[in-house]
Amino acid sequence: RADIASRICDIIAERKLSQATAADLLGVDQPKISALVRGRLDGFSSDRLFRFLTALDRDVEIVIKPKKQEADRGRVRVVVA
């Protein structure tokens, strides 16, 4: 979740959106954006963060594939295209 939240914050900064404007766009109040920017992710599910990304005109793709043979277990990573 932290990687996804970080990308959302990057997009908000790239667009030079105020927290109030970002909040309106994402359908939350400004204190929620403040919490997001400060890394306080309680109340932000992965699904909610994905909805924020789509509201910010980003496509979200989830790819499920077999783990690499040399890995002990599967992993999750965020890739920015």
Protein backbone atom coordinates (compact mmCIF):
# COMPACT_ATOMS: atom_id res chain seq x y z
CA ARG A 1 0.00 0.00 0.00
CA ALA A 2 2.83 2.39 0.78
CA ASP A 3 4.20 2.16 -2.78
CA ILE A 4 0.75 2.81 -4.24
CA ALA A 5 0.13 5.74 -1.90
CA SER A 6 3.52 7.18 -2.79
CA ARG A 7 2.65 7.06 -6.49
CA ILE A 8 -0.67 8.82 -5.82
CA CYS A 9 1.20 11.56 -3.95
CA ASP A 10 3.64 11.86 -6.87
CA ILE A 11 0.76 12.31 -9.32
CA ILE A 12 -0.85 14.95 -7.10
CA ALA A 13 2.48 16.80 -6.93
CA GLU A 14 3.13 16.45 -10.68
CA ARG A 15 -0.26 18.01 -11.39
CA LYS A 16 0.42 20.71 -8.77
CA LEU A 17 -2.93 20.01 -7.14
CA SER A 18 -3.69 21.50 -3.76
CA GLN A 19 -4.83 19.06 -1.12
CA ALA A 20 -8.33 20.55 -1.34
CA THR A 21 -8.45 20.11 -5.12
CA ALA A 22 -7.10 16.58 -4.88
CA ALA A 23 -9.68 15.78 -2.21
CA ASP A 24 -12.52 16.99 -4.47
CA LEU A 25 -11.18 14.95 -7.37
CA LEU A 26 -10.83 11.81 -5.26
CA GLY A 27 -14.12 12.21 -3.41
CA VAL A 28 -12.66 12.56 0.09
CA ASP A 29 -12.09 15.43 2.48
CA GLN A 30 -8.82 17.37 2.67
CA PRO A 31 -7.69 15.80 5.97
CA LYS A 32 -7.72 12.39 4.23
CA ILE A 33 -5.33 13.73 1.59
CA SER A 34 -3.15 15.19 4.33
CA ALA A 35 -3.03 11.79 6.04
CA LEU A 36 -2.18 10.09 2.72
CA VAL A 37 0.65 12.55 2.03
CA ARG A 38 2.03 11.98 5.53
CA GLY A 39 2.02 8.21 5.03
CA ARG A 40 -0.79 7.56 7.51
CA LEU A 41 -2.52 4.79 5.60
CA ASP A 42 -5.09 3.63 8.17
CA GLY A 43 -8.44 3.64 6.41
CA PHE A 44 -6.88 3.34 2.94
CA SER A 45 -7.43 -0.14 1.55
CA SER A 46 -5.65 -1.24 -1.59
CA ASP A 47 -8.99 -1.11 -3.39
CA ARG A 48 -9.54 2.49 -2.32
CA LEU A 49 -6.05 3.45 -3.46
CA PHE A 50 -6.72 1.80 -6.84
CA ARG A 51 -9.90 3.89 -7.15
CA PHE A 52 -7.83 7.01 -6.44
CA LEU A 53 -5.46 6.06 -9.25
CA THR A 54 -8.29 5.61 -11.74
CA ALA A 55 -9.75 8.97 -10.64
CA LEU A 56 -6.32 10.42 -11.44
CA ASP A 57 -6.60 9.01 -14.99
CA ARG A 58 -4.32 6.05 -14.44
CA ASP A 59 -4.96 2.48 -15.54
CA VAL A 60 -4.31 -0.17 -12.92
CA GLU A 61 -3.30 -3.65 -14.05
CA ILE A 62 -2.94 -6.58 -11.71
CA VAL A 63 -0.87 -9.43 -13.11
CA ILE A 64 -0.77 -12.79 -11.39
CA LYS A 65 1.95 -15.17 -12.54
CA PRO A 66 4.03 -18.03 -11.20
CA LYS A 67 6.91 -17.03 -8.95
CA LYS A 68 10.45 -17.30 -10.21
CA GLN A 69 11.87 -20.72 -9.49
CA GLU A 70 14.80 -19.38 -7.49
CA ALA A 71 12.53 -17.37 -5.16
CA ASP A 72 11.46 -18.83 -1.83
CA ARG A 73 7.97 -17.38 -2.19
CA GLY A 74 5.88 -15.06 -4.32
CA ARG A 75 6.17 -11.27 -4.06
CA VAL A 76 4.15 -8.15 -4.67
CA ARG A 77 5.63 -5.13 -6.40
CA VAL A 78 4.38 -1.88 -7.88
CA VAL A 79 5.66 -1.06 -11.35
CA VAL A 80 5.22 2.44 -12.73
CA ALA A 81 5.00 2.54 -16.51
